[in-house]
């Protein structure tokens, strides 16, 4: 419903989270790619990409996306979370 009223990239990003839960990470990644030009400098675009890539078993790509998210955020709590995810071998 919100996407019908507001099709901003951030609303669409949130919709992709829901889509991935329902249709799977590949569907989420496909939709996420459509937002790359609008959100390439937004850390949560990269963090979501990393999460979905990790779910598909693409650990090296997920780590690269997480490292980009880490570069883009100034929030220390987010930095710790993302850094821990990259270091965690079980996440790969």
N, C-alpha and C. Protein backbone atom coordinates (compact mmCIF):
# COMPACT_ATOMS: atom_id res chain seq x y z
N UNK A 1 0.80 -1.20 0.00
CA UNK A 1 0.00 0.00 0.00
C UNK A 1 0.85 1.26 0.00
N UNK A 2 1.88 1.28 0.83
CA UNK A 2 2.72 2.47 0.89
C UNK A 2 3.42 2.70 -0.45
N UNK A 3 3.87 1.64 -1.09
CA UNK A 3 4.56 1.78 -2.38
C UNK A 3 3.65 2.39 -3.44
N UNK A 4 2.35 2.19 -3.32
CA UNK A 4 1.40 2.78 -4.27
C UNK A 4 1.31 4.30 -4.07
N UNK A 5 1.54 4.76 -2.86
CA UNK A 5 1.45 6.19 -2.56
C UNK A 5 2.82 6.88 -2.65
N UNK A 6 3.87 6.13 -2.38
CA UNK A 6 5.21 6.70 -2.35
C UNK A 6 6.17 5.68 -2.93
N UNK A 7 6.67 5.94 -4.11
CA UNK A 7 7.56 4.98 -4.76
C UNK A 7 9.03 5.40 -4.64
N UNK A 8 9.35 6.10 -3.56
CA UNK A 8 10.73 6.55 -3.35
C UNK A 8 11.64 5.33 -3.19
N UNK A 9 12.92 5.51 -3.48
CA UNK A 9 13.86 4.39 -3.34
C UNK A 9 13.86 3.76 -1.94
N UNK A 10 13.71 4.56 -0.89
CA UNK A 10 13.72 3.99 0.46
C UNK A 10 12.48 3.15 0.73
N UNK A 11 11.34 3.58 0.25
CA UNK A 11 10.13 2.78 0.39
C UNK A 11 10.29 1.48 -0.39
N UNK A 12 10.85 1.58 -1.57
CA UNK A 12 11.07 0.38 -2.39
C UNK A 12 12.09 -0.56 -1.73
N UNK A 13 13.11 0.01 -1.06
CA UNK A 13 14.08 -0.81 -0.36
C UNK A 13 13.41 -1.62 0.74
N UNK A 14 12.53 -0.98 1.49
CA UNK A 14 11.80 -1.69 2.55
C UNK A 14 10.88 -2.76 1.98
N UNK A 15 10.28 -2.48 0.84
CA UNK A 15 9.43 -3.47 0.18
C UNK A 15 10.25 -4.70 -0.22
N UNK A 16 11.49 -4.48 -0.62
CA UNK A 16 12.37 -5.59 -1.03
C UNK A 16 12.66 -6.52 0.14
N UNK A 17 12.77 -5.97 1.33
CA UNK A 17 12.97 -6.81 2.52
C UNK A 17 11.80 -7.78 2.66
N UNK A 18 10.59 -7.25 2.54
CA UNK A 18 9.39 -8.10 2.63
C UNK A 18 9.34 -9.09 1.48
N UNK A 19 9.64 -8.63 0.28
CA UNK A 19 9.64 -9.51 -0.89
C UNK A 19 10.59 -10.69 -0.70
N UNK A 20 11.77 -10.42 -0.20
CA UNK A 20 12.77 -11.47 -0.01
C UNK A 20 12.28 -12.50 1.01
N UNK A 21 11.55 -12.07 2.01
CA UNK A 21 11.00 -13.01 2.99
C UNK A 21 9.95 -13.92 2.36
N UNK A 22 9.19 -13.38 1.42
CA UNK A 22 8.10 -14.13 0.80
C UNK A 22 8.58 -14.93 -0.41
N UNK A 23 9.35 -14.28 -1.28
CA UNK A 23 9.71 -14.89 -2.56
C UNK A 23 11.14 -15.43 -2.60
N UNK A 24 11.93 -15.13 -1.57
CA UNK A 24 13.29 -15.65 -1.51
C UNK A 24 14.34 -14.61 -1.85
N UNK A 25 15.59 -14.90 -1.49
CA UNK A 25 16.67 -13.93 -1.66
C UNK A 25 16.97 -13.59 -3.12
N UNK A 26 16.81 -14.54 -4.01
CA UNK A 26 17.07 -14.23 -5.42
C UNK A 26 16.11 -13.18 -5.96
N UNK A 27 14.85 -13.30 -5.59
CA UNK A 27 13.86 -12.29 -6.00
C UNK A 27 14.20 -10.94 -5.39
N UNK A 28 14.63 -10.95 -4.15
CA UNK A 28 15.03 -9.71 -3.50
C UNK A 28 16.23 -9.07 -4.18
N UNK A 29 17.21 -9.89 -4.53
CA UNK A 29 18.40 -9.37 -5.22
C UNK A 29 18.04 -8.78 -6.58
N UNK A 30 17.17 -9.44 -7.27
CA UNK A 30 16.76 -8.95 -8.59
C UNK A 30 16.12 -7.56 -8.47
N UNK A 31 15.25 -7.39 -7.50
CA UNK A 31 14.62 -6.09 -7.28
C UNK A 31 15.63 -5.07 -6.75
N UNK A 32 16.52 -5.52 -5.89
CA UNK A 32 17.51 -4.63 -5.31
C UNK A 32 18.40 -4.02 -6.39
N UNK A 33 18.72 -4.80 -7.39
CA UNK A 33 19.56 -4.30 -8.49
C UNK A 33 18.93 -3.12 -9.20
N UNK A 34 17.61 -3.04 -9.20
CA UNK A 34 16.94 -1.91 -9.87
C UNK A 34 17.12 -0.60 -9.12
N UNK A 35 17.55 -0.68 -7.87
CA UNK A 35 17.75 0.53 -7.06
C UNK A 35 19.21 0.96 -6.97
N UNK A 36 20.08 0.22 -7.62
CA UNK A 36 21.51 0.49 -7.45
C UNK A 36 21.88 1.94 -7.78
N UNK A 37 21.41 2.46 -8.90
CA UNK A 37 21.80 3.82 -9.27
C UNK A 37 21.28 4.86 -8.26
N UNK A 38 20.14 4.60 -7.67
CA UNK A 38 19.56 5.56 -6.72
C UNK A 38 20.19 5.45 -5.33
N UNK A 39 20.63 4.24 -4.95
CA UNK A 39 21.07 4.03 -3.56
C UNK A 39 22.50 3.52 -3.44
N UNK A 40 23.30 3.64 -4.48
CA UNK A 40 24.66 3.10 -4.46
C UNK A 40 25.52 3.69 -3.33
N UNK A 41 25.18 4.87 -2.87
CA UNK A 41 25.94 5.50 -1.78
C UNK A 41 25.25 5.39 -0.43
N UNK A 42 24.25 4.53 -0.33
CA UNK A 42 23.49 4.35 0.91
C UNK A 42 23.90 3.02 1.54
N UNK A 43 24.40 3.08 2.74
CA UNK A 43 24.97 1.89 3.37
C UNK A 43 23.95 0.74 3.52
N UNK A 44 22.70 1.07 3.75
CA UNK A 44 21.73 -0.02 3.95
C UNK A 44 21.40 -0.78 2.66
N UNK A 45 21.60 -0.14 1.51
CA UNK A 45 21.45 -0.87 0.24
C UNK A 45 22.50 -1.98 0.19
N UNK A 46 23.73 -1.63 0.54
CA UNK A 46 24.82 -2.61 0.53
C UNK A 46 24.64 -3.66 1.62
N UNK A 47 24.17 -3.24 2.79
CA UNK A 47 23.96 -4.19 3.89
C UNK A 47 22.86 -5.20 3.53
N UNK A 48 21.79 -4.74 2.92
CA UNK A 48 20.74 -5.66 2.49
C UNK A 48 21.25 -6.58 1.40
N UNK A 49 22.01 -6.03 0.47
CA UNK A 49 22.59 -6.86 -0.60
C UNK A 49 23.46 -7.95 0.01
N UNK A 50 24.28 -7.59 0.99
CA UNK A 50 25.14 -8.58 1.65
C UNK A 50 24.30 -9.67 2.31
N UNK A 51 23.26 -9.27 3.00
CA UNK A 51 22.39 -10.23 3.68
C UNK A 51 21.79 -11.22 2.68
N UNK A 52 21.27 -10.70 1.57
CA UNK A 52 20.63 -11.57 0.58
C UNK A 52 21.66 -12.43 -0.15
N UNK A 53 22.82 -11.87 -0.45
CA UNK A 53 23.88 -12.67 -1.09
C UNK A 53 24.31 -13.82 -0.17
N UNK A 54 24.43 -13.53 1.11
CA UNK A 54 24.83 -14.55 2.07
C UNK A 54 23.80 -15.68 2.12
N UNK A 55 22.53 -15.33 2.00
CA UNK A 55 21.48 -16.35 2.00
C UNK A 55 21.54 -17.25 0.77
N UNK A 56 22.13 -16.76 -0.30
CA UNK A 56 22.25 -17.57 -1.51
C UNK A 56 23.58 -18.31 -1.57
N UNK A 57 24.39 -18.19 -0.52
CA UNK A 57 25.66 -18.90 -0.47
C UNK A 57 26.80 -18.17 -1.16
N UNK A 58 26.62 -16.91 -1.47
CA UNK A 58 27.64 -16.13 -2.17
C UNK A 58 28.41 -15.27 -1.15
N UNK A 59 29.16 -15.97 -0.29
CA UNK A 59 29.84 -15.33 0.84
C UNK A 59 30.85 -14.27 0.47
N UNK A 60 31.66 -14.51 -0.55
CA UNK A 60 32.68 -13.53 -0.93
C UNK A 60 32.04 -12.24 -1.42
N UNK A 61 30.99 -12.36 -2.21
CA UNK A 61 30.27 -11.17 -2.68
C UNK A 61 29.58 -10.46 -1.51
N UNK A 62 29.06 -11.24 -0.59
CA UNK A 62 28.40 -10.68 0.59
C UNK A 62 29.40 -9.89 1.42
N UNK A 63 30.59 -10.44 1.60
CA UNK A 63 31.62 -9.73 2.37
C UNK A 63 31.99 -8.42 1.70
N UNK A 64 32.10 -8.42 0.37
CA UNK A 64 32.44 -7.19 -0.36
C UNK A 64 31.34 -6.15 -0.17
N UNK A 65 30.09 -6.58 -0.22
CA UNK A 65 28.97 -5.65 -0.02
C UNK A 65 28.97 -5.11 1.41
N UNK A 66 29.25 -5.98 2.37
CA UNK A 66 29.32 -5.53 3.77
C UNK A 66 30.46 -4.54 3.98
N UNK A 67 31.58 -4.79 3.34
CA UNK A 67 32.70 -3.86 3.48
C UNK A 67 32.36 -2.49 2.90
N UNK A 68 31.61 -2.48 1.81
CA UNK A 68 31.18 -1.20 1.24
C UNK A 68 30.19 -0.51 2.20
N UNK A 69 29.29 -1.27 2.79
CA UNK A 69 28.36 -0.70 3.78
C UNK A 69 29.14 -0.11 4.95
N UNK A 70 30.16 -0.81 5.36
CA UNK A 70 31.01 -0.36 6.46
C UNK A 70 31.68 0.97 6.13
N UNK A 71 32.14 1.11 4.89
CA UNK A 71 32.77 2.36 4.46
C UNK A 71 31.79 3.53 4.46
N UNK A 72 30.53 3.24 4.20
CA UNK A 72 29.55 4.30 4.00
C UNK A 72 28.84 4.76 5.27
N UNK A 73 28.90 3.99 6.34
CA UNK A 73 28.20 4.40 7.55
C UNK A 73 29.16 5.02 8.56
N UNK A 74 28.67 6.05 9.23
CA UNK A 74 29.43 6.69 10.30
C UNK A 74 28.93 6.25 11.67
N UNK A 75 27.86 5.47 11.68
CA UNK A 75 27.25 5.02 12.93
C UNK A 75 28.09 3.88 13.51
N UNK A 76 28.62 4.09 14.69
CA UNK A 76 29.52 3.08 15.28
C UNK A 76 28.83 1.75 15.58
N UNK A 77 27.59 1.79 15.99
CA UNK A 77 26.86 0.54 16.25
C UNK A 77 26.70 -0.25 14.95
N UNK A 78 26.36 0.42 13.87
CA UNK A 78 26.25 -0.26 12.58
C UNK A 78 27.60 -0.77 12.13
N UNK A 79 28.65 -0.01 12.36
CA UNK A 79 30.00 -0.44 11.99
C UNK A 79 30.38 -1.72 12.72
N UNK A 80 30.07 -1.79 14.02
CA UNK A 80 30.39 -3.01 14.79
C UNK A 80 29.59 -4.20 14.28
N UNK A 81 28.33 -4.00 14.00
CA UNK A 81 27.47 -5.07 13.51
C UNK A 81 27.98 -5.62 12.17
N UNK A 82 28.27 -4.73 11.25
CA UNK A 82 28.72 -5.15 9.92
C UNK A 82 30.11 -5.79 10.00
N UNK A 83 31.00 -5.21 10.78
CA UNK A 83 32.34 -5.78 10.93
C UNK A 83 32.27 -7.18 11.52
N UNK A 84 31.42 -7.39 12.48
CA UNK A 84 31.27 -8.73 13.08
C UNK A 84 30.72 -9.72 12.06
N UNK A 85 29.82 -9.26 11.21
CA UNK A 85 29.24 -10.15 10.21
C UNK A 85 30.29 -10.58 9.19
N UNK A 86 31.20 -9.68 8.84
CA UNK A 86 32.25 -10.02 7.88
C UNK A 86 33.24 -10.99 8.49
N UNK A 87 33.52 -10.83 9.77
CA UNK A 87 34.50 -11.69 10.45
C UNK A 87 33.95 -13.08 10.79
N UNK A 88 32.64 -13.23 10.81
CA UNK A 88 32.02 -14.48 11.26
C UNK A 88 32.10 -15.53 10.15
N UNK A 89 32.90 -16.58 10.34
CA UNK A 89 33.03 -17.60 9.30
C UNK A 89 31.71 -18.32 9.00
N UNK A 90 30.86 -18.47 9.99
CA UNK A 90 29.59 -19.19 9.77
C UNK A 90 28.64 -18.40 8.90
N UNK A 91 28.90 -17.10 8.74
CA UNK A 91 28.03 -16.26 7.90
C UNK A 91 28.30 -16.50 6.42
N UNK A 92 29.39 -17.15 6.13
CA UNK A 92 29.76 -17.36 4.73
C UNK A 92 29.11 -18.59 4.25
